[in-house]
Structure formats: C-alpha cells, structure tokens
C-alpha cells in the first residue's frame, strides 16, 4: 500500500497530525527541502525514520519547533543561543544546545550526544504540526546519500510504500541548508556553514 498524497492546507495538515498521532511517518514540506517526520512520543519512531532513509544510527535528528518557546522545554538556552534565536528564527538556523536533564528524549534522537539540534523553520506546515504535537523529529526526505526529493511525486516513487502520508506543498523551495551553530557553551561555534552567513552570526552575537 502506498502513502496517500494530500494538499498542504488546513485539512491536509489535520490528516498529517492524525497520521503522526497514530505513529505514522509523514513527508512534509519545509522552507528548504521535503522532510520526513514522526511524533516524538511514538515508540520506535526515530528508528523507523532511520530505516526508511537507510541512515547511519550515530547521526542525530533535528527537532523542528513551532516557536522559540518550545526550545526551552527541551534544552538549556544560553544567552548567545537566545540572541541567535531572536535574530534568525523562523529561518535557516539550527541551534545546538545542551539537553535538559529533566527531559527524557529517545537515545536514537541525539545519536548519544548530550546536545540536541533545534530549528524553527520558515514554513507554516512544520510549525503547525509541531504546535499540535510538540517538537517534531524531522530528517530530509531521501535515501541517505541520495539527492533530496523535490516533489510529492518523487517522494511517492522513492519511499511511498514505507511511509504513511505525504503532505504536498508543491515543489520544494530548495536553496542552502540551515547554518548549524553550537551555542551550548560559552564559546559559540559554527558547525556547518549554510543559509545564515558567518558575519551575520557574529553581528547578532555582538548585540546587547
């Protein structure tokens, strides 16, 4: 049985939320490429994402958020992290922050690290799903090592038999991946160059 394709509108997002609540894997549009998401509370959900993608288990998965407030539910937001979130969320910035000790997260989500990657995307679909279900584990909709799928039809052809629903937001916007910044400690480090140039990161950190 192949995954149904539904339009990314209010009704489609409700169907996606229902599928995620039922433990399913959903393909969804983001501000860059299509992603594969699963509800964080789904037993074995992260492992299923790895299986669908053929992704190495030591690689962690980013959580997409509805807004910056959700970051504080999961992580210790440092002053530098707060400044960067204010400057660049929603948008192309992934913040790596220390996990809160009082919050249980699946070990597979972080690849065994004490930190977690968080991002508020500049697209209403993932934010709506994260608002309904909480921070959403999302990884790109492709087989690991292969190009990202750019349309719902491509996702259907590549992995339609392995997932539960495709939220069709039209062709992926594409563009540059998010900049990944480790703001978990006193020294801020750019781990991956991306959509937010280094000079803008430095300028945001220089503000008081």
Protein backbone atom coordinates (compact mmCIF):
# COMPACT_ATOMS: atom_id res chain seq x y z
CA UNK A 1 0.00 0.00 0.00
CA UNK A 2 1.41 3.41 -0.96
CA UNK A 3 1.11 6.60 1.04
CA UNK A 4 -1.77 8.95 0.11
CA UNK A 5 -0.85 12.45 -1.08
CA UNK A 6 -2.85 15.29 0.49
CA UNK A 7 -2.66 19.02 -0.21
CA UNK A 8 -0.84 21.20 2.31
CA UNK A 9 -3.84 23.13 3.56
CA UNK A 10 -5.73 23.12 6.86
CA UNK A 11 -7.49 19.83 6.07
CA UNK A 12 -4.28 18.22 4.85
CA UNK A 13 -2.39 19.27 7.95
CA UNK A 14 -5.13 17.79 10.13
CA UNK A 15 -4.73 14.48 8.30
CA UNK A 16 -0.96 14.70 8.79
CA UNK A 17 -1.43 15.34 12.51
CA UNK A 18 -3.76 12.34 12.75
CA UNK A 19 -1.25 10.13 10.95
CA UNK A 20 1.57 11.28 13.23
CA UNK A 21 -0.53 10.75 16.35
CA UNK A 22 -1.22 7.22 15.14
CA UNK A 23 2.53 6.54 14.97
CA UNK A 24 3.00 7.13 11.25
CA UNK A 25 5.82 8.64 9.24
CA UNK A 26 4.77 11.72 7.26
CA UNK A 27 6.57 13.55 4.45
CA UNK A 28 6.10 17.30 4.75
CA UNK A 29 7.30 20.49 3.08
CA UNK A 30 9.76 22.78 4.84
CA UNK A 31 11.47 26.04 3.93
CA UNK A 32 14.28 24.13 2.15
CA UNK A 33 13.60 20.51 1.18
CA UNK A 34 10.88 18.00 2.00
CA UNK A 35 11.28 16.27 5.33
CA UNK A 36 10.21 13.03 6.96
CA UNK A 37 8.65 13.49 10.37
CA UNK A 38 7.42 11.31 13.21
CA UNK A 39 5.83 12.21 16.55
CA UNK A 40 8.48 12.31 19.27
CA UNK A 41 6.31 10.16 21.55
CA UNK A 42 5.98 7.33 19.02
CA UNK A 43 7.72 4.20 20.36
CA UNK A 44 10.41 3.23 17.85
CA UNK A 45 9.54 6.21 15.65
CA UNK A 46 13.08 7.55 15.34
CA UNK A 47 14.35 4.08 14.47
CA UNK A 48 11.72 3.88 11.75
CA UNK A 49 12.95 7.15 10.25
CA UNK A 50 16.46 5.69 10.14
CA UNK A 51 15.12 2.53 8.50
CA UNK A 52 13.19 4.41 5.81
CA UNK A 53 16.23 6.56 4.99
CA UNK A 54 18.89 3.85 5.44
CA UNK A 55 20.57 6.42 7.68
CA UNK A 56 23.51 5.57 9.98
CA UNK A 57 22.20 5.42 13.58
CA UNK A 58 25.02 7.52 15.03
CA UNK A 59 23.68 10.63 13.27
CA UNK A 60 21.22 12.62 15.36
CA UNK A 61 17.98 14.13 14.06
CA UNK A 62 16.96 17.77 14.37
CA UNK A 63 13.72 18.77 16.07
CA UNK A 64 11.58 21.32 14.23
CA UNK A 65 9.73 23.70 16.54
CA UNK A 66 6.56 25.76 16.35
CA UNK A 67 8.29 28.72 18.01
CA UNK A 68 11.29 29.62 20.14
CA UNK A 69 9.41 28.93 23.38
CA UNK A 70 9.46 25.19 22.64
CA UNK A 71 13.25 25.24 22.76
CA UNK A 72 13.16 25.94 26.50
CA UNK A 73 11.04 22.83 27.07
CA UNK A 74 13.89 20.65 25.81
CA UNK A 75 17.18 22.46 26.16
CA UNK A 76 19.19 24.93 28.20
CA UNK A 77 19.02 28.10 26.14
CA UNK A 78 22.20 30.08 26.71
CA UNK A 79 22.26 33.88 26.32
CA UNK A 80 24.05 33.51 22.98
CA UNK A 81 21.51 30.92 21.87
CA UNK A 82 18.66 33.26 22.80
CA UNK A 83 20.20 36.12 20.80
CA UNK A 84 20.62 33.93 17.74
CA UNK A 85 17.08 32.56 18.03
CA UNK A 86 15.68 36.09 18.25
CA UNK A 87 17.67 37.15 15.20
CA UNK A 88 17.12 34.18 12.90
CA UNK A 89 14.00 32.21 13.87
CA UNK A 90 11.96 31.36 11.95
CA UNK A 91 14.62 30.71 9.35
CA UNK A 92 17.72 28.87 8.31
CA UNK A 93 19.45 28.44 11.66
CA UNK A 94 19.82 25.18 13.58
CA UNK A 95 20.90 25.74 17.18
CA UNK A 96 22.76 23.00 19.02
CA UNK A 97 22.04 23.30 22.75
CA UNK A 98 22.57 21.20 25.87
CA UNK A 99 19.64 18.91 26.62
CA UNK A 100 17.71 19.49 29.82
CA UNK A 101 18.43 16.77 32.37
CA UNK A 102 14.77 16.58 33.40
CA UNK A 103 13.50 15.82 29.88
CA UNK A 104 13.65 12.30 28.51
CA UNK A 105 14.48 12.02 24.83
CA UNK A 106 14.91 8.84 22.78
CA UNK A 107 18.60 7.91 22.66
CA UNK A 108 18.30 7.44 18.90
CA UNK A 109 17.23 11.07 18.51
CA UNK A 110 20.57 12.54 19.56
CA UNK A 111 22.98 9.80 18.49
CA UNK A 112 24.06 9.53 22.12
CA UNK A 113 25.11 13.20 22.42
CA UNK A 114 24.27 15.43 25.38
CA UNK A 115 23.14 18.14 22.96
CA UNK A 116 20.16 18.49 20.65
CA UNK A 117 19.67 20.36 17.36
CA UNK A 118 16.64 22.67 17.22
CA UNK A 119 15.18 24.87 14.48
CA UNK A 120 12.07 26.98 13.85
CA UNK A 121 11.58 26.66 10.08
CA UNK A 122 10.29 29.48 7.90
CA UNK A 123 7.35 27.39 6.66
CA UNK A 124 3.88 27.14 8.21
CA UNK A 125 3.41 23.39 7.71
CA UNK A 126 6.09 22.02 10.06
CA UNK A 127 5.32 24.77 12.58
CA UNK A 128 1.62 23.77 12.57
CA UNK A 129 2.49 20.12 13.14
CA UNK A 130 4.93 21.00 15.93
CA UNK A 131 2.31 23.26 17.53
CA UNK A 132 -0.14 20.35 17.64
CA UNK A 133 2.27 17.57 18.59
CA UNK A 134 5.25 19.25 20.20
CA UNK A 135 8.79 19.48 18.79
CA UNK A 136 8.91 17.22 15.75
CA UNK A 137 11.84 14.99 14.75
CA UNK A 138 12.37 15.65 11.04
CA UNK A 139 15.02 14.50 8.59
CA UNK A 140 15.28 15.14 4.86
CA UNK A 141 13.04 13.06 2.58
CA UNK A 142 15.60 10.99 0.74
CA UNK A 143 17.52 7.76 0.98
CA UNK A 144 20.76 8.53 2.79
CA UNK A 145 23.45 9.59 0.33
CA UNK A 146 20.95 10.27 -2.46
CA UNK A 147 19.52 13.65 -3.60
CA UNK A 148 16.57 15.05 -1.67
CA UNK A 149 13.18 14.57 -3.29
CA UNK A 150 11.87 17.86 -4.67
CA UNK A 151 8.17 16.96 -5.15
CA UNK A 152 5.48 14.80 -3.60
CA UNK A 153 5.54 12.58 -6.70
CA UNK A 154 9.26 11.92 -6.25
CA UNK A 155 8.74 11.02 -2.59
CA UNK A 156 5.95 8.64 -3.59
CA UNK A 157 8.20 6.94 -6.14
CA UNK A 158 11.18 6.65 -3.78
CA UNK A 159 9.58 5.71 -0.47
CA UNK A 160 5.81 5.74 -0.88
CA UNK A 161 5.49 2.14 0.29
CA UNK A 162 7.44 2.83 3.52
CA UNK A 163 5.68 5.93 4.85
CA UNK A 164 2.10 6.75 5.79
CA UNK A 165 1.21 10.12 4.25
CA UNK A 166 2.68 12.83 2.01
CA UNK A 167 1.73 16.46 2.63
CA UNK A 168 2.05 18.10 -0.79
CA UNK A 169 3.22 21.71 -0.62
CA UNK A 170 4.30 21.91 -4.25
CA UNK A 171 7.91 21.82 -5.46
CA UNK A 172 10.48 22.16 -2.66
CA UNK A 173 11.93 25.63 -2.29
CA UNK A 174 15.44 24.18 -2.18
CA UNK A 175 18.22 26.62 -1.51
CA UNK A 176 21.01 26.48 1.02
CA UNK A 177 20.71 24.20 4.06
CA UNK A 178 20.49 25.73 7.50
CA UNK A 179 23.56 27.04 9.26
CA UNK A 180 24.31 24.84 12.29
CA UNK A 181 25.65 26.69 15.32
CA UNK A 182 26.71 25.14 18.63
CA UNK A 183 25.59 27.62 21.29
CA UNK A 184 25.61 25.12 24.13
CA UNK A 185 28.57 26.68 25.94
CA UNK A 186 30.44 29.95 26.40
CA UNK A 187 32.20 29.64 23.03
CA UNK A 188 29.86 29.72 20.02
CA UNK A 189 30.99 27.57 17.08
CA UNK A 190 29.64 27.31 13.54
CA UNK A 191 29.46 23.57 12.86
CA UNK A 192 28.11 23.88 9.32
CA UNK A 193 28.08 26.89 7.04
CA UNK A 194 24.70 27.47 5.45
CA UNK A 195 21.86 29.89 4.90
CA UNK A 196 22.98 32.39 7.56
CA UNK A 197 26.45 33.82 6.76
CA UNK A 198 29.09 33.88 9.50
CA UNK A 199 29.21 37.67 9.59
CA UNK A 200 25.51 37.85 10.40
CA UNK A 201 26.00 35.31 13.20
CA UNK A 202 28.82 37.43 14.60
CA UNK A 203 26.74 40.62 14.30
CA UNK A 204 23.81 39.06 16.17
CA UNK A 205 26.11 37.88 18.95
CA UNK A 206 27.61 41.34 19.26
CA UNK A 207 24.24 42.93 20.07
CA UNK A 208 23.39 43.60 23.70
